[in-house]
Amino acid sequence: MIRSITQAKSDEEILRLLTGSTRLFILGCGTCTTMTHTGGEAEVADMKTRLAASGKMITGTVTLPVACDNLTQHILEQLGDGLDQADALLVMSCAFGVQSLARQVKKMVIPALDTLFIGKESEAGQYHEICMQCGTCVIGETGGICPVTSCHKGLVNGPCGGTNQGKCEIDKNKDCAWTLIYNRLDELGRLDLMRPLQKPRNFLGEPKPGLYRVNQNPGA
C-alpha cells in the first residue's frame, strides 16, 4: 500500500506556528496519516489534549476520510460553529492535504506534520521510500528498481567502490541497490542495459512549480 509518509513536528514548532491563535480546530486524515499513526483519530485526540494543556481552546476536531480530496468541502460546510469560531486550523495530514484545505477555508491553516516521501509498507509499521517524484525516471534501464531511492548515494551509475558482499557501505544491513539491479537484469538477460553511462543527474528535475497538461487530442 502506497502512502505519503509523514512525521510529527515538535510541540515547540507547532506552538510557534500557532502564535497569535488561541482557538483551534484540529483536522486529521483517515488515509495516509492514519496508517502511519501521525494524524488519525487517536493522534488528533492526543493533540487536542496537549494543546488544551498549553492553554489553547479547541473548538472542534474531525478526522476527514481523505484530507486531500476536494470533496472535503462538503464536510467542512457541515462543521458549523466549531470551524467558524476557530482562529486557525491545525491539519494533521500530508502537505497535499494542508494545501487542499487552505484553498477551501478563509483561515490560517497550520501543518502539524512534515511530509517526508512517498513510501510503501514493507512490514507492519515500517515504510520504505519508493519514489521521490524527481521527474527524471530511469527505472526502465534498471530493471524496475529505482537507484535514486534504493541507493543511499542516489547513484545512477553504480555500484560505488564501497559495496561489499552485496551490502551497502553506509548501511551494512541493507542490500546494495546496484547489486539488486545487476541481479535483476542478469535474471532478465538484459545486462546490456548497464553498459551505457547515464547522464549526470539533474536533481532539480523540472522547473518549479511543476505543471503537467494532458493532451486532450493525442492524435492531433
C-alpha atoms as a PDB file:
ATOM      1  CA  MET A   1       0.000   0.000   0.000  1.00  0.00           C
ATOM      2  CA  ILE A   2       1.443   3.349  -1.110  1.00  0.00           C
ATOM      3  CA  ARG A   3       1.269   6.294   1.275  1.00  0.00           C
ATOM      4  CA  SER A   4       2.531   9.823   1.802  1.00  0.00           C
ATOM      5  CA  ILE A   5       4.896   9.336   4.723  1.00  0.00           C
ATOM      6  CA  THR A   6       4.842  11.996   7.421  1.00  0.00           C
ATOM      7  CA  GLN A   7       6.343  12.641  10.825  1.00  0.00           C
ATOM      8  CA  ALA A   8       5.107  14.886  13.610  1.00  0.00           C
ATOM      9  CA  LYS A   9       6.565  18.328  14.097  1.00  0.00           C
ATOM     10  CA  SER A  10       7.815  19.049  17.596  1.00  0.00           C
ATOM     11  CA  ASP A  11       5.386  20.606  20.057  1.00  0.00           C
ATOM     12  CA  GLU A  12       7.723  23.611  20.203  1.00  0.00           C
ATOM     13  CA  GLU A  13       7.459  24.203  16.454  1.00  0.00           C
ATOM     14  CA  ILE A  14       3.688  23.715  16.424  1.00  0.00           C
ATOM     15  CA  LEU A  15       3.220  26.216  19.262  1.00  0.00           C
ATOM     16  CA  ARG A  16       5.490  28.677  17.470  1.00  0.00           C
ATOM     17  CA  LEU A  17       3.401  28.343  14.298  1.00  0.00           C
ATOM     18  CA  LEU A  18       0.255  28.858  16.389  1.00  0.00           C
ATOM     19  CA  THR A  19       1.493  32.093  17.949  1.00  0.00           C
ATOM     20  CA  GLY A  20      -1.389  34.562  17.927  1.00  0.00           C
ATOM     21  CA  SER A  21      -4.034  31.842  17.540  1.00  0.00           C
ATOM     22  CA  THR A  22      -5.921  30.790  20.661  1.00  0.00           C
ATOM     23  CA  ARG A  23      -8.981  28.992  19.257  1.00  0.00           C
ATOM     24  CA  LEU A  24      -8.107  25.989  17.132  1.00  0.00           C
ATOM     25  CA  PHE A  25      -9.912  23.387  15.057  1.00  0.00           C
ATOM     26  CA  ILE A  26      -7.901  20.182  14.536  1.00  0.00           C
ATOM     27  CA  LEU A  27      -8.280  18.069  11.394  1.00  0.00           C
ATOM     28  CA  GLY A  28      -6.804  14.612  10.819  1.00  0.00           C
ATOM     29  CA  CYS A  29      -6.821  12.340   7.787  1.00  0.00           C
ATOM     30  CA  GLY A  30      -8.353   8.883   7.543  1.00  0.00           C
ATOM     31  CA  THR A  31      -5.931   7.551   4.941  1.00  0.00           C
ATOM     32  CA  CYS A  32      -2.166   8.120   4.914  1.00  0.00           C
ATOM     33  CA  THR A  33      -1.640   9.672   8.343  1.00  0.00           C
ATOM     34  CA  THR A  34      -3.987   7.173   9.948  1.00  0.00           C
ATOM     35  CA  MET A  35      -1.838   4.375   8.517  1.00  0.00           C
ATOM     36  CA  THR A  36       1.392   5.986   9.748  1.00  0.00           C
ATOM     37  CA  HIS A  37      -0.145   6.906  13.127  1.00  0.00           C
ATOM     38  CA  THR A  38       0.634  10.586  12.690  1.00  0.00           C
ATOM     39  CA  GLY A  39      -2.840  12.027  12.124  1.00  0.00           C
ATOM     40  CA  GLY A  40      -5.603   9.508  12.736  1.00  0.00           C
ATOM     41  CA  GLU A  41      -8.360   9.744  15.348  1.00  0.00           C
ATOM     42  CA  ALA A  42      -6.069   8.716  18.220  1.00  0.00           C
ATOM     43  CA  GLU A  43      -3.406  11.261  17.269  1.00  0.00           C
ATOM     44  CA  VAL A  44      -5.989  14.023  16.826  1.00  0.00           C
ATOM     45  CA  ALA A  45      -7.375  13.277  20.303  1.00  0.00           C
ATOM     46  CA  ASP A  46      -3.870  13.326  21.782  1.00  0.00           C
ATOM     47  CA  MET A  47      -3.061  16.613  20.048  1.00  0.00           C
ATOM     48  CA  LYS A  48      -6.288  18.114  21.440  1.00  0.00           C
ATOM     49  CA  THR A  49      -5.245  17.136  24.978  1.00  0.00           C
ATOM     50  CA  ARG A  50      -1.723  18.525  24.614  1.00  0.00           C
ATOM     51  CA  LEU A  51      -2.805  21.832  23.098  1.00  0.00           C
ATOM     52  CA  ALA A  52      -5.549  22.319  25.686  1.00  0.00           C
ATOM     53  CA  ALA A  53      -2.929  21.773  28.396  1.00  0.00           C
ATOM     54  CA  SER A  54      -0.826  24.521  26.798  1.00  0.00           C
ATOM     55  CA  GLY A  55      -3.710  26.991  27.059  1.00  0.00           C
ATOM     56  CA  LYS A  56      -5.281  26.661  23.615  1.00  0.00           C
ATOM     57  CA  MET A  57      -9.048  26.435  23.198  1.00  0.00           C
ATOM     58  CA  ILE A  58     -10.078  23.591  20.898  1.00  0.00           C
ATOM     59  CA  THR A  59     -13.316  24.473  19.112  1.00  0.00           C
ATOM     60  CA  GLY A  60     -13.630  21.072  17.466  1.00  0.00           C
ATOM     61  CA  THR A  61     -11.922  18.124  15.818  1.00  0.00           C
ATOM     62  CA  VAL A  62     -12.593  15.878  12.840  1.00  0.00           C
ATOM     63  CA  THR A  63     -10.773  13.106  11.013  1.00  0.00           C
ATOM     64  CA  LEU A  64     -11.548  13.560   7.345  1.00  0.00           C
ATOM     65  CA  PRO A  65     -11.834  10.452   5.152  1.00  0.00           C
ATOM     66  CA  VAL A  66      -9.293  11.960   2.730  1.00  0.00           C
ATOM     67  CA  ALA A  67      -7.844  15.364   3.573  1.00  0.00           C
ATOM     68  CA  CYS A  68      -6.539  15.980   0.043  1.00  0.00           C
ATOM     69  CA  ASP A  69      -9.885  15.274  -1.631  1.00  0.00           C
ATOM     70  CA  ASN A  70     -11.845  18.291  -2.868  1.00  0.00           C
ATOM     71  CA  LEU A  71     -14.992  16.532  -1.624  1.00  0.00           C
ATOM     72  CA  THR A  72     -13.899  17.546   1.888  1.00  0.00           C
ATOM     73  CA  GLN A  73     -15.512  20.900   1.118  1.00  0.00           C
ATOM     74  CA  HIS A  74     -18.899  19.291   1.766  1.00  0.00           C
ATOM     75  CA  ILE A  75     -17.704  18.008   5.148  1.00  0.00           C
ATOM     76  CA  LEU A  76     -16.271  21.403   6.072  1.00  0.00           C
ATOM     77  CA  GLU A  77     -19.631  23.026   5.332  1.00  0.00           C
ATOM     78  CA  GLN A  78     -21.240  20.744   7.934  1.00  0.00           C
ATOM     79  CA  LEU A  79     -18.784  21.506  10.749  1.00  0.00           C
ATOM     80  CA  GLY A  80     -20.681  24.644  11.700  1.00  0.00           C
ATOM     81  CA  ASP A  81     -19.811  26.788  14.708  1.00  0.00           C
ATOM     82  CA  GLY A  82     -16.755  24.794  15.714  1.00  0.00           C
ATOM     83  CA  LEU A  83     -14.992  25.663  12.480  1.00  0.00           C
ATOM     84  CA  ASP A  84     -16.387  29.192  12.324  1.00  0.00           C
ATOM     85  CA  GLN A  85     -15.150  30.044  15.830  1.00  0.00           C
ATOM     86  CA  ALA A  86     -11.579  28.889  15.210  1.00  0.00           C
ATOM     87  CA  ASP A  87      -8.752  31.353  14.626  1.00  0.00           C
ATOM     88  CA  ALA A  88      -6.776  28.687  12.769  1.00  0.00           C
ATOM     89  CA  LEU A  89      -6.914  25.099  11.568  1.00  0.00           C
ATOM     90  CA  LEU A  90      -4.235  22.661  12.676  1.00  0.00           C
ATOM     91  CA  VAL A  91      -4.015  19.976   9.993  1.00  0.00           C
ATOM     92  CA  MET A  92      -2.573  16.533  10.695  1.00  0.00           C
ATOM     93  CA  SER A  93      -2.193  15.366   7.101  1.00  0.00           C
ATOM     94  CA  CYS A  94       0.420  15.394   4.362  1.00  0.00           C
ATOM     95  CA  ALA A  95       1.336  18.698   2.734  1.00  0.00           C
ATOM     96  CA  PHE A  96      -1.102  17.998  -0.112  1.00  0.00           C
ATOM     97  CA  GLY A  97      -3.963  17.819   2.374  1.00  0.00           C
ATOM     98  CA  VAL A  98      -2.825  21.013   4.094  1.00  0.00           C
ATOM     99  CA  GLN A  99      -2.751  22.895   0.802  1.00  0.00           C
ATOM    100  CA  SER A 100      -6.093  21.442  -0.308  1.00  0.00           C
ATOM    101  CA  LEU A 101      -7.753  22.640   2.900  1.00  0.00           C
ATOM    102  CA  ALA A 102      -6.066  26.037   2.684  1.00  0.00           C
ATOM    103  CA  ARG A 103      -7.770  26.606  -0.652  1.00  0.00           C
ATOM    104  CA  GLN A 104     -11.178  25.832   0.852  1.00  0.00           C
ATOM    105  CA  VAL A 105     -11.237  27.896   4.043  1.00  0.00           C
ATOM    106  CA  LYS A 106     -10.563  31.554   4.791  1.00  0.00           C
ATOM    107  CA  LYS A 107      -8.480  30.871   7.889  1.00  0.00           C
ATOM    108  CA  MET A 108      -4.861  30.269   8.734  1.00  0.00           C
ATOM    109  CA  VAL A 109      -4.026  26.630   8.069  1.00  0.00           C
ATOM    110  CA  ILE A 110      -1.112  25.214  10.071  1.00  0.00           C
ATOM    111  CA  PRO A 111       0.608  21.855   9.357  1.00  0.00           C
ATOM    112  CA  ALA A 112       1.265  19.640  12.370  1.00  0.00           C
ATOM    113  CA  LEU A 113       3.385  17.230  10.309  1.00  0.00           C
ATOM    114  CA  ASP A 114       6.373  17.177   7.974  1.00  0.00           C
ATOM    115  CA  THR A 115       5.895  15.268   4.698  1.00  0.00           C
ATOM    116  CA  LEU A 116       8.895  13.026   4.010  1.00  0.00           C
ATOM    117  CA  PHE A 117       8.316  10.918   0.896  1.00  0.00           C
ATOM    118  CA  ILE A 118       6.049   8.507  -0.922  1.00  0.00           C
ATOM    119  CA  GLY A 119       6.543   5.113   0.678  1.00  0.00           C
ATOM    120  CA  LYS A 120       5.359   1.537   0.715  1.00  0.00           C
ATOM    121  CA  GLU A 121       4.695  -0.532   3.811  1.00  0.00           C
ATOM    122  CA  SER A 122       7.252  -3.358   3.771  1.00  0.00           C
ATOM    123  CA  GLU A 123       6.125  -4.810   7.085  1.00  0.00           C
ATOM    124  CA  ALA A 124       3.745  -3.715   9.825  1.00  0.00           C
ATOM    125  CA  GLY A 125       4.560  -0.125  10.744  1.00  0.00           C
ATOM    126  CA  GLN A 126       7.642   0.134   8.501  1.00  0.00           C
ATOM    127  CA  TYR A 127       7.661   2.203   5.334  1.00  0.00           C
ATOM    128  CA  HIS A 128      10.383   2.425   2.704  1.00  0.00           C
ATOM    129  CA  GLU A 129      10.734   5.315   0.272  1.00  0.00           C
ATOM    130  CA  ILE A 130       9.927   4.137  -3.237  1.00  0.00           C
ATOM    131  CA  CYS A 131       9.651   7.388  -5.167  1.00  0.00           C
ATOM    132  CA  MET A 132      10.788  10.974  -4.674  1.00  0.00           C
ATOM    133  CA  GLN A 133       8.919  12.201  -7.764  1.00  0.00           C
ATOM    134  CA  CYS A 134      12.143  13.517  -9.290  1.00  0.00           C
ATOM    135  CA  GLY A 135      10.717  13.862 -12.800  1.00  0.00           C
ATOM    136  CA  THR A 136      13.654  12.036 -14.451  1.00  0.00           C
ATOM    137  CA  CYS A 137      12.760   8.341 -14.137  1.00  0.00           C
ATOM    138  CA  VAL A 138      15.448   5.797 -15.141  1.00  0.00           C
ATOM    139  CA  ILE A 139      13.870   2.568 -13.906  1.00  0.00           C
ATOM    140  CA  GLY A 140      13.249   1.413 -17.485  1.00  0.00           C
ATOM    141  CA  GLU A 141      17.005   0.829 -17.675  1.00  0.00           C
ATOM    142  CA  THR A 142      17.494  -0.566 -14.163  1.00  0.00           C
ATOM    143  CA  GLY A 143      15.061  -3.457 -14.137  1.00  0.00           C
ATOM    144  CA  GLY A 144      12.304  -1.514 -12.413  1.00  0.00           C
ATOM    145  CA  ILE A 145      14.480  -0.793  -9.358  1.00  0.00           C
ATOM    146  CA  CYS A 146      14.934   2.913  -8.611  1.00  0.00           C
ATOM    147  CA  PRO A 147      18.606   3.668  -7.860  1.00  0.00           C
ATOM    148  CA  VAL A 148      17.768   7.160  -6.612  1.00  0.00           C
ATOM    149  CA  THR A 149      15.660   5.925  -3.706  1.00  0.00           C
ATOM    150  CA  SER A 150      17.224   2.461  -3.288  1.00  0.00           C
ATOM    151  CA  CYS A 151      20.834   3.680  -3.171  1.00  0.00           C
ATOM    152  CA  HIS A 152      21.865   5.788  -0.172  1.00  0.00           C
ATOM    153  CA  LYS A 153      24.005   7.900  -2.523  1.00  0.00           C
ATOM    154  CA  GLY A 154      21.369   8.133  -5.249  1.00  0.00           C
ATOM    155  CA  LEU A 155      23.856   6.881  -7.845  1.00  0.00           C
ATOM    156  CA  VAL A 156      22.522   6.436 -11.371  1.00  0.00           C
ATOM    157  CA  ASN A 157      25.776   4.708 -12.392  1.00  0.00           C
ATOM    158  CA  GLY A 158      26.913   2.095  -9.932  1.00  0.00           C
ATOM    159  CA  PRO A 159      27.852   0.379  -7.819  1.00  0.00           C
ATOM    160  CA  CYS A 160      30.193   2.616  -5.820  1.00  0.00           C
ATOM    161  CA  GLY A 161      33.547   1.350  -4.566  1.00  0.00           C
ATOM    162  CA  GLY A 162      32.240   0.767  -1.069  1.00  0.00           C
ATOM    163  CA  THR A 163      29.822  -2.078  -1.726  1.00  0.00           C
ATOM    164  CA  ASN A 164      30.893  -5.293  -0.004  1.00  0.00           C
ATOM    165  CA  GLN A 165      29.402  -8.752  -0.474  1.00  0.00           C
ATOM    166  CA  GLY A 166      26.281  -7.171  -1.935  1.00  0.00           C
ATOM    167  CA  LYS A 167      25.732  -4.849   1.030  1.00  0.00           C
ATOM    168  CA  CYS A 168      25.722  -1.046   1.233  1.00  0.00           C
ATOM    169  CA  GLU A 169      28.753   0.601   2.855  1.00  0.00           C
ATOM    170  CA  ILE A 170      26.503   3.153   4.584  1.00  0.00           C
ATOM    171  CA  ASP A 171      24.069   0.599   5.987  1.00  0.00           C
ATOM    172  CA  LYS A 172      25.547  -2.900   6.196  1.00  0.00           C
ATOM    173  CA  ASN A 173      22.105  -4.361   6.854  1.00  0.00           C
ATOM    174  CA  LYS A 174      20.868  -3.008   3.513  1.00  0.00           C
ATOM    175  CA  ASP A 175      21.341  -4.692   0.151  1.00  0.00           C
ATOM    176  CA  CYS A 176      23.364  -2.648  -2.329  1.00  0.00           C
ATOM    177  CA  ALA A 177      20.875  -1.184  -4.816  1.00  0.00           C
ATOM    178  CA  TRP A 178      23.200  -1.764  -7.734  1.00  0.00           C
ATOM    179  CA  THR A 179      23.755  -5.391  -6.767  1.00  0.00           C
ATOM    180  CA  LEU A 180      19.971  -5.799  -6.811  1.00  0.00           C
ATOM    181  CA  ILE A 181      19.834  -4.079 -10.205  1.00  0.00           C
ATOM    182  CA  TYR A 182      22.622  -6.287 -11.593  1.00  0.00           C
ATOM    183  CA  ASN A 183      20.958  -9.474 -10.360  1.00  0.00           C
ATOM    184  CA  ARG A 184      17.606  -8.386 -11.728  1.00  0.00           C
ATOM    185  CA  LEU A 185      18.964  -7.527 -15.182  1.00  0.00           C
ATOM    186  CA  ASP A 186      21.032 -10.735 -15.216  1.00  0.00           C
ATOM    187  CA  GLU A 187      17.898 -12.720 -14.445  1.00  0.00           C
ATOM    188  CA  LEU A 188      16.120 -10.999 -17.322  1.00  0.00           C
ATOM    189  CA  GLY A 189      19.050 -11.427 -19.709  1.00  0.00           C
ATOM    190  CA  ARG A 190      19.418  -7.633 -20.066  1.00  0.00           C
ATOM    191  CA  LEU A 191      22.825  -6.852 -18.577  1.00  0.00           C
ATOM    192  CA  ASP A 192      23.448  -4.829 -21.728  1.00  0.00           C
ATOM    193  CA  LEU A 193      21.371  -2.067 -20.117  1.00  0.00           C
ATOM    194  CA  MET A 194      24.141  -1.489 -17.573  1.00  0.00           C
ATOM    195  CA  ARG A 195      26.800  -0.708 -20.177  1.00  0.00           C
ATOM    196  CA  PRO A 196      25.736   2.822 -21.245  1.00  0.00           C
ATOM    197  CA  LEU A 197      26.555   5.566 -18.750  1.00  0.00           C
ATOM    198  CA  GLN A 198      23.639   7.612 -17.502  1.00  0.00           C
ATOM    199  CA  LYS A 199      23.986  11.360 -17.902  1.00  0.00           C
ATOM    200  CA  PRO A 200      24.822  13.362 -14.759  1.00  0.00           C
ATOM    201  CA  ARG A 201      21.646  13.745 -12.731  1.00  0.00           C
ATOM    202  CA  ASN A 202      19.750  16.987 -12.736  1.00  0.00           C
ATOM    203  CA  PHE A 203      18.471  16.937  -9.162  1.00  0.00           C
ATOM    204  CA  LEU A 204      16.266  19.911  -9.930  1.00  0.00           C
ATOM    205  CA  GLY A 205      14.223  17.796 -12.337  1.00  0.00           C
ATOM    206  CA  GLU A 206      11.605  20.028 -13.899  1.00  0.00           C
ATOM    207  CA  PRO A 207      11.351  23.769 -13.213  1.00  0.00           C
ATOM    208  CA  LYS A 208       9.221  24.546 -10.178  1.00  0.00           C
ATOM    209  CA  PRO A 209       6.369  24.807  -9.592  1.00  0.00           C
ATOM    210  CA  GLY A 210       5.616  21.750 -11.698  1.00  0.00           C
ATOM    211  CA  LEU A 211       2.821  21.654 -14.239  1.00  0.00           C
ATOM    212  CA  TYR A 212       1.624  18.843 -16.476  1.00  0.00           C
ATOM    213  CA  ARG A 213      -1.174  19.174 -19.006  1.00  0.00           C
ATOM    214  CA  VAL A 214      -2.867  16.159 -20.505  1.00  0.00           C
ATOM    215  CA  ASN A 215      -3.020  16.287 -24.300  1.00  0.00           C
ATOM    216  CA  GLN A 216      -6.739  16.145 -24.987  1.00  0.00           C
ATOM    217  CA  ASN A 217      -6.124  15.404 -28.688  1.00  0.00           C
ATOM    218  CA  PRO A 218      -3.270  12.873 -28.736  1.00  0.00           C
ATOM    219  CA  GLY A 219      -3.766  12.150 -32.433  1.00  0.00           C
ATOM    220  CA  ALA A 220      -3.542  15.781 -33.446  1.00  0.00           C
END
